[in-house]
């Protein structure tokens, strides 16, 4: 069993787009072969290809496009911020409510 490196490589969107285009234009070659040649993980490359299919409207039911994923992430962050704000306001209301009854 090999040692797993927890340091993941980050690839630019342009690199990913180019590699996915290479996979799409090479139907006679498999993803693992292309991944080895380029020094990327085959499972990562499969994920990029799958996401590209989804983004082009060829994904399965319930699969989110990249734009939908970005929006979902943004909305989740916004929800967390709003929950923090509500909690602060709740505590402030309780504090000032207690002050006015004294």
PDB file of N, CA and C in Angstrom:
ATOM      1  N   UNK A   1       0.858  -1.181   0.000  1.00  0.00           N
ATOM      2  CA  UNK A   1       0.000   0.000   0.000  1.00  0.00           C
ATOM      3  C   UNK A   1       0.897   1.234   0.000  1.00  0.00           C
ATOM      4  N   UNK A   2       0.655   2.161  -0.889  1.00  0.00           N
ATOM      5  CA  UNK A   2       1.472   3.356  -0.997  1.00  0.00           C
ATOM      6  C   UNK A   2       1.038   4.420  -0.012  1.00  0.00           C
ATOM      7  N   UNK A   3       1.904   5.393   0.146  1.00  0.00           N
ATOM      8  CA  UNK A   3       1.595   6.520   1.016  1.00  0.00           C
ATOM      9  C   UNK A   3       0.793   7.528   0.219  1.00  0.00           C
ATOM     10  N   UNK A   4      -0.315   7.943   0.779  1.00  0.00           N
ATOM     11  CA  UNK A   4      -1.175   8.905   0.091  1.00  0.00           C
ATOM     12  C   UNK A   4      -0.736  10.319   0.436  1.00  0.00           C
ATOM     13  N   UNK A   5      -0.555  11.117  -0.560  1.00  0.00           N
ATOM     14  CA  UNK A   5      -0.157  12.501  -0.366  1.00  0.00           C
ATOM     15  C   UNK A   5      -1.408  13.354  -0.208  1.00  0.00           C
ATOM     16  N   UNK A   6      -1.536  14.050   0.909  1.00  0.00           N
ATOM     17  CA  UNK A   6      -2.708  14.876   1.166  1.00  0.00           C
ATOM     18  C   UNK A   6      -2.639  16.231   0.471  1.00  0.00           C
ATOM     19  N   UNK A   7      -1.535  16.504  -0.196  1.00  0.00           N
ATOM     20  CA  UNK A   7      -1.392  17.760  -0.923  1.00  0.00           C
ATOM     21  C   UNK A   7      -2.007  17.594  -2.299  1.00  0.00           C
ATOM     22  N   UNK A   8      -3.123  18.226  -2.540  1.00  0.00           N
ATOM     23  CA  UNK A   8      -3.755  18.102  -3.847  1.00  0.00           C
ATOM     24  C   UNK A   8      -3.214  19.187  -4.760  1.00  0.00           C
ATOM     25  N   UNK A   9      -3.076  18.833  -6.021  1.00  0.00           N
ATOM     26  CA  UNK A   9      -2.625  19.807  -7.007  1.00  0.00           C
ATOM     27  C   UNK A   9      -3.818  20.640  -7.430  1.00  0.00           C
ATOM     28  N   UNK A  10      -3.560  21.893  -7.709  1.00  0.00           N
ATOM     29  CA  UNK A  10      -4.607  22.780  -8.205  1.00  0.00           C
ATOM     30  C   UNK A  10      -4.306  23.078  -9.661  1.00  0.00           C
ATOM     31  N   UNK A  11      -5.280  22.869 -10.499  1.00  0.00           N
ATOM     32  CA  UNK A  11      -5.121  23.120 -11.917  1.00  0.00           C
ATOM     33  C   UNK A  11      -5.996  24.302 -12.307  1.00  0.00           C
ATOM     34  N   UNK A  12      -5.526  25.082 -13.261  1.00  0.00           N
ATOM     35  CA  UNK A  12      -6.301  26.233 -13.715  1.00  0.00           C
ATOM     36  C   UNK A  12      -7.509  25.758 -14.505  1.00  0.00           C
ATOM     37  N   UNK A  13      -8.500  26.615 -14.580  1.00  0.00           N
ATOM     38  CA  UNK A  13      -9.702  26.294 -15.360  1.00  0.00           C
ATOM     39  C   UNK A  13      -9.332  26.085 -16.826  1.00  0.00           C
ATOM     40  N   UNK A  14      -8.377  26.868 -17.307  1.00  0.00           N
ATOM     41  CA  UNK A  14      -7.944  26.735 -18.709  1.00  0.00           C
ATOM     42  C   UNK A  14      -7.320  25.358 -18.951  1.00  0.00           C
ATOM     43  N   UNK A  15      -6.466  24.908 -18.013  1.00  0.00           N
ATOM     44  CA  UNK A  15      -5.842  23.597 -18.150  1.00  0.00           C
ATOM     45  C   UNK A  15      -6.907  22.502 -18.178  1.00  0.00           C
ATOM     46  N   UNK A  16      -7.841  22.581 -17.239  1.00  0.00           N
ATOM     47  CA  UNK A  16      -8.905  21.581 -17.182  1.00  0.00           C
ATOM     48  C   UNK A  16      -9.706  21.571 -18.472  1.00  0.00           C
ATOM     49  N   UNK A  17     -10.042  22.760 -18.965  1.00  0.00           N
ATOM     50  CA  UNK A  17     -10.822  22.872 -20.201  1.00  0.00           C
ATOM     51  C   UNK A  17     -10.067  22.237 -21.371  1.00  0.00           C
ATOM     52  N   UNK A  18      -8.762  22.498 -21.456  1.00  0.00           N
ATOM     53  CA  UNK A  18      -7.952  21.946 -22.534  1.00  0.00           C
ATOM     54  C   UNK A  18      -7.855  20.424 -22.441  1.00  0.00           C
ATOM     55  N   UNK A  19      -7.679  19.912 -21.227  1.00  0.00           N
ATOM     56  CA  UNK A  19      -7.570  18.465 -21.047  1.00  0.00           C
ATOM     57  C   UNK A  19      -8.889  17.780 -21.379  1.00  0.00           C
ATOM     58  N   UNK A  20      -9.996  18.370 -20.958  1.00  0.00           N
ATOM     59  CA  UNK A  20     -11.311  17.792 -21.268  1.00  0.00           C
ATOM     60  C   UNK A  20     -11.527  17.802 -22.783  1.00  0.00           C
ATOM     61  N   UNK A  21     -11.124  18.879 -23.442  1.00  0.00           N
ATOM     62  CA  UNK A  21     -11.244  18.944 -24.900  1.00  0.00           C
ATOM     63  C   UNK A  21     -10.410  17.841 -25.549  1.00  0.00           C
ATOM     64  N   UNK A  22      -9.226  17.569 -24.993  1.00  0.00           N
ATOM     65  CA  UNK A  22      -8.387  16.495 -25.513  1.00  0.00           C
ATOM     66  C   UNK A  22      -9.092  15.148 -25.366  1.00  0.00           C
ATOM     67  N   UNK A  23      -9.695  14.911 -24.213  1.00  0.00           N
ATOM     68  CA  UNK A  23     -10.417  13.651 -23.981  1.00  0.00           C
ATOM     69  C   UNK A  23     -11.571  13.525 -24.970  1.00  0.00           C
ATOM     70  N   UNK A  24     -12.322  14.607 -25.149  1.00  0.00           N
ATOM     71  CA  UNK A  24     -13.474  14.573 -26.060  1.00  0.00           C
ATOM     72  C   UNK A  24     -13.056  14.364 -27.509  1.00  0.00           C
ATOM     73  N   UNK A  25     -11.879  14.878 -27.866  1.00  0.00           N
ATOM     74  CA  UNK A  25     -11.429  14.755 -29.253  1.00  0.00           C
ATOM     75  C   UNK A  25     -10.644  13.465 -29.502  1.00  0.00           C
ATOM     76  N   UNK A  26     -10.501  12.650 -28.472  1.00  0.00           N
ATOM     77  CA  UNK A  26      -9.744  11.397 -28.601  1.00  0.00           C
ATOM     78  C   UNK A  26     -10.595  10.208 -28.161  1.00  0.00           C
ATOM     79  N   UNK A  27     -11.649   9.907 -28.910  1.00  0.00           N
ATOM     80  CA  UNK A  27     -12.535   8.815 -28.473  1.00  0.00           C
ATOM     81  C   UNK A  27     -11.871   7.441 -28.487  1.00  0.00           C
ATOM     82  N   UNK A  28     -10.773   7.297 -29.223  1.00  0.00           N
ATOM     83  CA  UNK A  28     -10.083   6.017 -29.310  1.00  0.00           C
ATOM     84  C   UNK A  28      -9.127   5.775 -28.141  1.00  0.00           C
ATOM     85  N   UNK A  29      -8.933   6.789 -27.285  1.00  0.00           N
ATOM     86  CA  UNK A  29      -8.037   6.660 -26.135  1.00  0.00           C
ATOM     87  C   UNK A  29      -8.854   6.723 -24.853  1.00  0.00           C
ATOM     88  N   UNK A  30      -8.389   6.017 -23.831  1.00  0.00           N
ATOM     89  CA  UNK A  30      -9.141   6.057 -22.576  1.00  0.00           C
ATOM     90  C   UNK A  30      -8.599   7.154 -21.657  1.00  0.00           C
ATOM     91  N   UNK A  31      -9.408   7.514 -20.683  1.00  0.00           N
ATOM     92  CA  UNK A  31      -9.100   8.609 -19.767  1.00  0.00           C
ATOM     93  C   UNK A  31      -7.828   8.316 -18.965  1.00  0.00           C
ATOM     94  N   UNK A  32      -7.655   7.095 -18.532  1.00  0.00           N
ATOM     95  CA  UNK A  32      -6.491   6.740 -17.730  1.00  0.00           C
ATOM     96  C   UNK A  32      -5.201   6.980 -18.503  1.00  0.00           C
ATOM     97  N   UNK A  33      -5.196   6.608 -19.764  1.00  0.00           N
ATOM     98  CA  UNK A  33      -4.015   6.796 -20.612  1.00  0.00           C
ATOM     99  C   UNK A  33      -3.678   8.281 -20.748  1.00  0.00           C
ATOM    100  N   UNK A  34      -4.666   9.094 -21.012  1.00  0.00           N
ATOM    101  CA  UNK A  34      -4.456  10.538 -21.165  1.00  0.00           C
ATOM    102  C   UNK A  34      -4.000  11.144 -19.835  1.00  0.00           C
ATOM    103  N   UNK A  35      -4.612  10.721 -18.747  1.00  0.00           N
ATOM    104  CA  UNK A  35      -4.251  11.241 -17.428  1.00  0.00           C
ATOM    105  C   UNK A  35      -2.787  10.950 -17.118  1.00  0.00           C
ATOM    106  N   UNK A  36      -2.339   9.737 -17.404  1.00  0.00           N
ATOM    107  CA  UNK A  36      -0.940   9.375 -17.151  1.00  0.00           C
ATOM    108  C   UNK A  36       0.012  10.256 -17.958  1.00  0.00           C
ATOM    109  N   UNK A  37      -0.324  10.462 -19.218  1.00  0.00           N
ATOM    110  CA  UNK A  37       0.530  11.281 -20.082  1.00  0.00           C
ATOM    111  C   UNK A  37       0.667  12.714 -19.552  1.00  0.00           C
ATOM    112  N   UNK A  38      -0.408  13.228 -18.968  1.00  0.00           N
ATOM    113  CA  UNK A  38      -0.423  14.617 -18.520  1.00  0.00           C
ATOM    114  C   UNK A  38      -0.057  14.779 -17.045  1.00  0.00           C
ATOM    115  N   UNK A  39       0.073  13.670 -16.344  1.00  0.00           N
ATOM    116  CA  UNK A  39       0.452  13.738 -14.938  1.00  0.00           C
ATOM    117  C   UNK A  39      -0.678  14.162 -14.016  1.00  0.00           C
ATOM    118  N   UNK A  40      -1.896  13.850 -14.396  1.00  0.00           N
ATOM    119  CA  UNK A  40      -3.044  14.155 -13.533  1.00  0.00           C
ATOM    120  C   UNK A  40      -3.662  12.836 -13.081  1.00  0.00           C
ATOM    121  N   UNK A  41      -4.441  12.916 -12.023  1.00  0.00           N
ATOM    122  CA  UNK A  41      -5.095  11.719 -11.526  1.00  0.00           C
ATOM    123  C   UNK A  41      -6.243  11.306 -12.450  1.00  0.00           C
ATOM    124  N   UNK A  42      -6.349  10.029 -12.751  1.00  0.00           N
ATOM    125  CA  UNK A  42      -7.418   9.583 -13.649  1.00  0.00           C
ATOM    126  C   UNK A  42      -8.821   9.836 -13.096  1.00  0.00           C
ATOM    127  N   UNK A  43      -8.994   9.673 -11.785  1.00  0.00           N
ATOM    128  CA  UNK A  43     -10.324   9.915 -11.212  1.00  0.00           C
ATOM    129  C   UNK A  43     -10.674  11.396 -11.263  1.00  0.00           C
ATOM    130  N   UNK A  44      -9.683  12.247 -11.040  1.00  0.00           N
ATOM    131  CA  UNK A  44      -9.917  13.686 -11.162  1.00  0.00           C
ATOM    132  C   UNK A  44     -10.310  14.057 -12.576  1.00  0.00           C
ATOM    133  N   UNK A  45      -9.594  13.494 -13.546  1.00  0.00           N
ATOM    134  CA  UNK A  45      -9.904  13.773 -14.951  1.00  0.00           C
ATOM    135  C   UNK A  45     -11.295  13.266 -15.306  1.00  0.00           C
ATOM    136  N   UNK A  46     -11.657  12.100 -14.808  1.00  0.00           N
ATOM    137  CA  UNK A  46     -13.022  11.597 -15.060  1.00  0.00           C
ATOM    138  C   UNK A  46     -14.065  12.563 -14.499  1.00  0.00           C
ATOM    139  N   UNK A  47     -13.768  13.119 -13.323  1.00  0.00           N
ATOM    140  CA  UNK A  47     -14.682  14.092 -12.726  1.00  0.00           C
ATOM    141  C   UNK A  47     -14.813  15.343 -13.584  1.00  0.00           C
ATOM    142  N   UNK A  48     -13.683  15.808 -14.136  1.00  0.00           N
ATOM    143  CA  UNK A  48     -13.725  16.992 -14.999  1.00  0.00           C
ATOM    144  C   UNK A  48     -14.564  16.721 -16.245  1.00  0.00           C
ATOM    145  N   UNK A  49     -14.390  15.529 -16.819  1.00  0.00           N
ATOM    146  CA  UNK A  49     -15.141  15.162 -18.027  1.00  0.00           C
ATOM    147  C   UNK A  49     -16.631  15.052 -17.697  1.00  0.00           C
ATOM    148  N   UNK A  50     -16.937  14.444 -16.568  1.00  0.00           N
ATOM    149  CA  UNK A  50     -18.344  14.310 -16.163  1.00  0.00           C
ATOM    150  C   UNK A  50     -18.970  15.685 -15.933  1.00  0.00           C
ATOM    151  N   UNK A  51     -18.241  16.589 -15.268  1.00  0.00           N
ATOM    152  CA  UNK A  51     -18.768  17.932 -15.028  1.00  0.00           C
ATOM    153  C   UNK A  51     -18.962  18.676 -16.346  1.00  0.00           C
ATOM    154  N   UNK A  52     -18.058  18.478 -17.292  1.00  0.00           N
ATOM    155  CA  UNK A  52     -18.198  19.107 -18.608  1.00  0.00           C
ATOM    156  C   UNK A  52     -19.466  18.627 -19.308  1.00  0.00           C
ATOM    157  N   UNK A  53     -19.740  17.337 -19.211  1.00  0.00           N
ATOM    158  CA  UNK A  53     -20.979  16.804 -19.814  1.00  0.00           C
ATOM    159  C   UNK A  53     -22.206  17.446 -19.161  1.00  0.00           C
ATOM    160  N   UNK A  54     -22.168  17.555 -17.856  1.00  0.00           N
ATOM    161  CA  UNK A  54     -23.288  18.167 -17.141  1.00  0.00           C
ATOM    162  C   UNK A  54     -23.453  19.626 -17.558  1.00  0.00           C
ATOM    163  N   UNK A  55     -22.337  20.348 -17.653  1.00  0.00           N
ATOM    164  CA  UNK A  55     -22.390  21.756 -18.048  1.00  0.00           C
ATOM    165  C   UNK A  55     -22.941  21.928 -19.460  1.00  0.00           C
ATOM    166  N   UNK A  56     -22.730  20.919 -20.308  1.00  0.00           N
ATOM    167  CA  UNK A  56     -23.255  20.990 -21.676  1.00  0.00           C
ATOM    168  C   UNK A  56     -24.694  20.455 -21.765  1.00  0.00           C
ATOM    169  N   UNK A  57     -25.297  20.150 -20.623  1.00  0.00           N
ATOM    170  CA  UNK A  57     -26.687  19.700 -20.609  1.00  0.00           C
ATOM    171  C   UNK A  57     -26.860  18.216 -20.847  1.00  0.00           C
ATOM    172  N   UNK A  58     -25.767  17.455 -20.752  1.00  0.00           N
ATOM    173  CA  UNK A  58     -25.827  16.017 -20.998  1.00  0.00           C
ATOM    174  C   UNK A  58     -25.751  15.205 -19.707  1.00  0.00           C
ATOM    175  N   UNK A  59     -25.863  15.885 -18.570  1.00  0.00           N
ATOM    176  CA  UNK A  59     -25.761  15.193 -17.288  1.00  0.00           C
ATOM    177  C   UNK A  59     -27.049  14.477 -16.925  1.00  0.00           C
ATOM    178  N   UNK A  60     -26.952  13.664 -15.921  1.00  0.00           N
ATOM    179  CA  UNK A  60     -28.113  12.939 -15.442  1.00  0.00           C
ATOM    180  C   UNK A  60     -29.030  13.836 -14.626  1.00  0.00           C
ATOM    181  N   UNK A  61     -30.183  13.323 -14.273  1.00  0.00           N
ATOM    182  CA  UNK A  61     -31.118  14.120 -13.478  1.00  0.00           C
ATOM    183  C   UNK A  61     -30.523  14.434 -12.105  1.00  0.00           C
ATOM    184  N   UNK A  62     -30.673  15.674 -11.693  1.00  0.00           N
ATOM    185  CA  UNK A  62     -30.197  16.098 -10.392  1.00  0.00           C
ATOM    186  C   UNK A  62     -28.745  16.537 -10.353  1.00  0.00           C
ATOM    187  N   UNK A  63     -28.011  16.383 -11.446  1.00  0.00           N
ATOM    188  CA  UNK A  63     -26.617  16.824 -11.473  1.00  0.00           C
ATOM    189  C   UNK A  63     -26.576  18.326 -11.698  1.00  0.00           C
ATOM    190  N   UNK A  64     -25.755  19.016 -10.906  1.00  0.00           N
ATOM    191  CA  UNK A  64     -25.678  20.470 -10.979  1.00  0.00           C
ATOM    192  C   UNK A  64     -24.593  20.916 -11.948  1.00  0.00           C
ATOM    193  N   UNK A  65     -24.889  21.947 -12.719  1.00  0.00           N
ATOM    194  CA  UNK A  65     -23.883  22.543 -13.581  1.00  0.00           C
ATOM    195  C   UNK A  65     -22.896  23.315 -12.706  1.00  0.00           C
ATOM    196  N   UNK A  66     -21.792  23.718 -13.288  1.00  0.00           N
ATOM    197  CA  UNK A  66     -20.795  24.485 -12.533  1.00  0.00           C
ATOM    198  C   UNK A  66     -21.390  25.787 -12.023  1.00  0.00           C
ATOM    199  N   UNK A  67     -22.197  26.449 -12.851  1.00  0.00           N
ATOM    200  CA  UNK A  67     -22.830  27.705 -12.441  1.00  0.00           C
ATOM    201  C   UNK A  67     -23.783  27.465 -11.269  1.00  0.00           C
ATOM    202  N   UNK A  68     -24.524  26.375 -11.320  1.00  0.00           N
ATOM    203  CA  UNK A  68     -25.443  26.056 -10.225  1.00  0.00           C
ATOM    204  C   UNK A  68     -24.674  25.731  -8.947  1.00  0.00           C
ATOM    205  N   UNK A  69     -23.549  25.034  -9.078  1.00  0.00           N
ATOM    206  CA  UNK A  69     -22.718  24.723  -7.910  1.00  0.00           C
ATOM    207  C   UNK A  69     -22.173  25.999  -7.276  1.00  0.00           C
ATOM    208  N   UNK A  70     -21.705  26.925  -8.125  1.00  0.00           N
ATOM    209  CA  UNK A  70     -21.188  28.192  -7.612  1.00  0.00           C
ATOM    210  C   UNK A  70     -22.279  28.974  -6.896  1.00  0.00           C
ATOM    211  N   UNK A  71     -23.478  28.995  -7.478  1.00  0.00           N
ATOM    212  CA  UNK A  71     -24.587  29.707  -6.844  1.00  0.00           C
ATOM    213  C   UNK A  71     -24.958  29.053  -5.518  1.00  0.00           C
ATOM    214  N   UNK A  72     -24.991  27.742  -5.487  1.00  0.00           N
ATOM    215  CA  UNK A  72     -25.319  27.025  -4.259  1.00  0.00           C
ATOM    216  C   UNK A  72     -24.296  27.334  -3.165  1.00  0.00           C
ATOM    217  N   UNK A  73     -23.021  27.351  -3.519  1.00  0.00           N
ATOM    218  CA  UNK A  73     -21.965  27.691  -2.561  1.00  0.00           C
ATOM    219  C   UNK A  73     -22.150  29.105  -2.041  1.00  0.00           C
ATOM    220  N   UNK A  74     -22.418  30.040  -2.958  1.00  0.00           N
ATOM    221  CA  UNK A  74     -22.622  31.436  -2.566  1.00  0.00           C
ATOM    222  C   UNK A  74     -23.822  31.569  -1.638  1.00  0.00           C
ATOM    223  N   UNK A  75     -24.914  30.893  -1.951  1.00  0.00           N
ATOM    224  CA  UNK A  75     -26.122  30.975  -1.129  1.00  0.00           C
ATOM    225  C   UNK A  75     -25.908  30.342   0.246  1.00  0.00           C
ATOM    226  N   UNK A  76     -25.139  29.263   0.301  1.00  0.00           N
ATOM    227  CA  UNK A  76     -24.852  28.638   1.597  1.00  0.00           C
ATOM    228  C   UNK A  76     -24.027  29.571   2.477  1.00  0.00           C
ATOM    229  N   UNK A  77     -23.025  30.232   1.868  1.00  0.00           N
ATOM    230  CA  UNK A  77     -22.227  31.201   2.641  1.00  0.00           C
ATOM    231  C   UNK A  77     -23.103  32.342   3.128  1.00  0.00           C
ATOM    232  N   UNK A  78     -23.977  32.819   2.262  1.00  0.00           N
ATOM    233  CA  UNK A  78     -24.875  33.915   2.620  1.00  0.00           C
ATOM    234  C   UNK A  78     -25.792  33.498   3.775  1.00  0.00           C
ATOM    235  N   UNK A  79     -26.276  32.275   3.742  1.00  0.00           N
ATOM    236  CA  UNK A  79     -27.140  31.768   4.808  1.00  0.00           C
ATOM    237  C   UNK A  79     -26.399  31.732   6.138  1.00  0.00           C
ATOM    238  N   UNK A  80     -25.147  31.283   6.121  1.00  0.00           N
ATOM    239  CA  UNK A  80     -24.343  31.246   7.353  1.00  0.00           C
ATOM    240  C   UNK A  80     -24.177  32.657   7.906  1.00  0.00           C
ATOM    241  N   UNK A  81     -23.859  33.626   7.044  1.00  0.00           N
ATOM    242  CA  UNK A  81     -23.706  35.014   7.487  1.00  0.00           C
ATOM    243  C   UNK A  81     -25.011  35.557   8.070  1.00  0.00           C
ATOM    244  N   UNK A  82     -26.118  35.244   7.426  1.00  0.00           N
ATOM    245  CA  UNK A  82     -27.412  35.715   7.922  1.00  0.00           C
ATOM    246  C   UNK A  82     -27.747  35.076   9.265  1.00  0.00           C
ATOM    247  N   UNK A  83     -27.408  33.814   9.448  1.00  0.00           N
ATOM    248  CA  UNK A  83     -27.649  33.155  10.730  1.00  0.00           C
ATOM    249  C   UNK A  83     -26.816  33.799  11.839  1.00  0.00           C
ATOM    250  N   UNK A  84     -25.579  34.162  11.520  1.00  0.00           N
ATOM    251  CA  UNK A  84     -24.734  34.848  12.502  1.00  0.00           C
ATOM    252  C   UNK A  84     -25.324  36.209  12.856  1.00  0.00           C
ATOM    253  N   UNK A  85     -25.779  36.927  11.852  1.00  0.00           N
ATOM    254  CA  UNK A  85     -26.379  38.242  12.081  1.00  0.00           C
ATOM    255  C   UNK A  85     -27.628  38.128  12.948  1.00  0.00           C
ATOM    256  N   UNK A  86     -28.469  37.155  12.654  1.00  0.00           N
ATOM    257  CA  UNK A  86     -29.698  36.941  13.431  1.00  0.00           C
ATOM    258  C   UNK A  86     -29.353  36.628  14.878  1.00  0.00           C
ATOM    259  N   UNK A  87     -28.330  35.795  15.086  1.00  0.00           N
ATOM    260  CA  UNK A  87     -27.940  35.441  16.453  1.00  0.00           C
ATOM    261  C   UNK A  87     -27.430  36.670  17.210  1.00  0.00           C
ATOM    262  N   UNK A  88     -26.645  37.501  16.544  1.00  0.00           N
ATOM    263  CA  UNK A  88     -26.151  38.734  17.176  1.00  0.00           C
ATOM    264  C   UNK A  88     -27.324  39.644  17.532  1.00  0.00           C
ATOM    265  N   UNK A  89     -28.256  39.807  16.607  1.00  0.00           N
ATOM    266  CA  UNK A  89     -29.418  40.660  16.861  1.00  0.00           C
ATOM    267  C   UNK A  89     -30.287  40.097  17.988  1.00  0.00           C
ATOM    268  N   UNK A  90     -30.418  38.781  18.042  1.00  0.00           N
ATOM    269  CA  UNK A  90     -31.200  38.141  19.104  1.00  0.00           C
ATOM    270  C   UNK A  90     -30.575  38.431  20.464  1.00  0.00           C
ATOM    271  N   UNK A  91     -29.238  38.291  20.541  1.00  0.00           N
ATOM    272  CA  UNK A  91     -28.543  38.563  21.801  1.00  0.00           C
ATOM    273  C   UNK A  91     -28.632  40.036  22.175  1.00  0.00           C
ATOM    274  N   UNK A  92     -28.509  40.909  21.168  1.00  0.00           N
ATOM    275  CA  UNK A  92     -28.606  42.348  21.431  1.00  0.00           C
ATOM    276  C   UNK A  92     -29.999  42.704  21.921  1.00  0.00           C
ATOM    277  N   UNK A  93     -31.021  42.124  21.335  1.00  0.00           N
ATOM    278  CA  UNK A  93     -32.400  42.400  21.749  1.00  0.00           C
ATOM    279  C   UNK A  93     -32.616  41.934  23.197  1.00  0.00           C
ATOM    280  N   UNK A  94     -32.083  40.763  23.525  1.00  0.00           N
ATOM    281  CA  UNK A  94     -32.227  40.248  24.884  1.00  0.00           C
ATOM    282  C   UNK A  94     -31.480  41.150  25.871  1.00  0.00           C
ATOM    283  N   UNK A  95     -30.295  41.583  25.506  1.00  0.00           N
ATOM    284  CA  UNK A  95     -29.499  42.467  26.371  1.00  0.00           C
ATOM    285  C   UNK A  95     -30.214  43.791  26.594  1.00  0.00           C
ATOM    286  N   UNK A  96     -30.646  44.442  25.529  1.00  0.00           N
ATOM    287  CA  UNK A  96     -31.296  45.739  25.674  1.00  0.00           C
ATOM    288  C   UNK A  96     -32.686  45.598  26.283  1.00  0.00           C
ATOM    289  N   UNK A  97     -33.326  44.477  26.071  1.00  0.00           N
ATOM    290  CA  UNK A  97     -34.628  44.239  26.712  1.00  0.00           C
ATOM    291  C   UNK A  97     -34.463  44.118  28.210  1.00  0.00           C
ATOM    292  N   UNK A  98     -33.405  43.477  28.643  1.00  0.00           N
ATOM    293  CA  UNK A  98     -33.137  43.344  30.074  1.00  0.00           C
ATOM    294  C   UNK A  98     -32.755  44.691  30.684  1.00  0.00           C
ATOM    295  N   UNK A  99     -32.068  45.539  29.955  1.00  0.00           N
ATOM    296  CA  UNK A  99     -31.650  46.857  30.432  1.00  0.00           C
ATOM    297  C   UNK A  99     -32.863  47.760  30.659  1.00  0.00           C
ATOM    298  N   UNK A 100     -33.860  47.689  29.811  1.00  0.00           N
ATOM    299  CA  UNK A 100     -35.013  48.574  29.913  1.00  0.00           C
ATOM    300  C   UNK A 100     -35.958  48.168  31.035  1.00  0.00           C
ATOM    301  N   UNK A 101     -35.883  46.948  31.517  1.00  0.00           N
ATOM    302  CA  UNK A 101     -36.763  46.496  32.605  1.00  0.00           C
ATOM    303  C   UNK A 101     -36.167  46.804  33.972  1.00  0.00           C
ATOM    304  N   UNK A 102     -34.970  47.318  34.049  1.00  0.00           N
ATOM    305  CA  UNK A 102     -34.330  47.626  35.329  1.00  0.00           C
ATOM    306  C   UNK A 102     -34.700  48.993  35.815  1.00  0.00           C
TER     307      UNK A 102
END
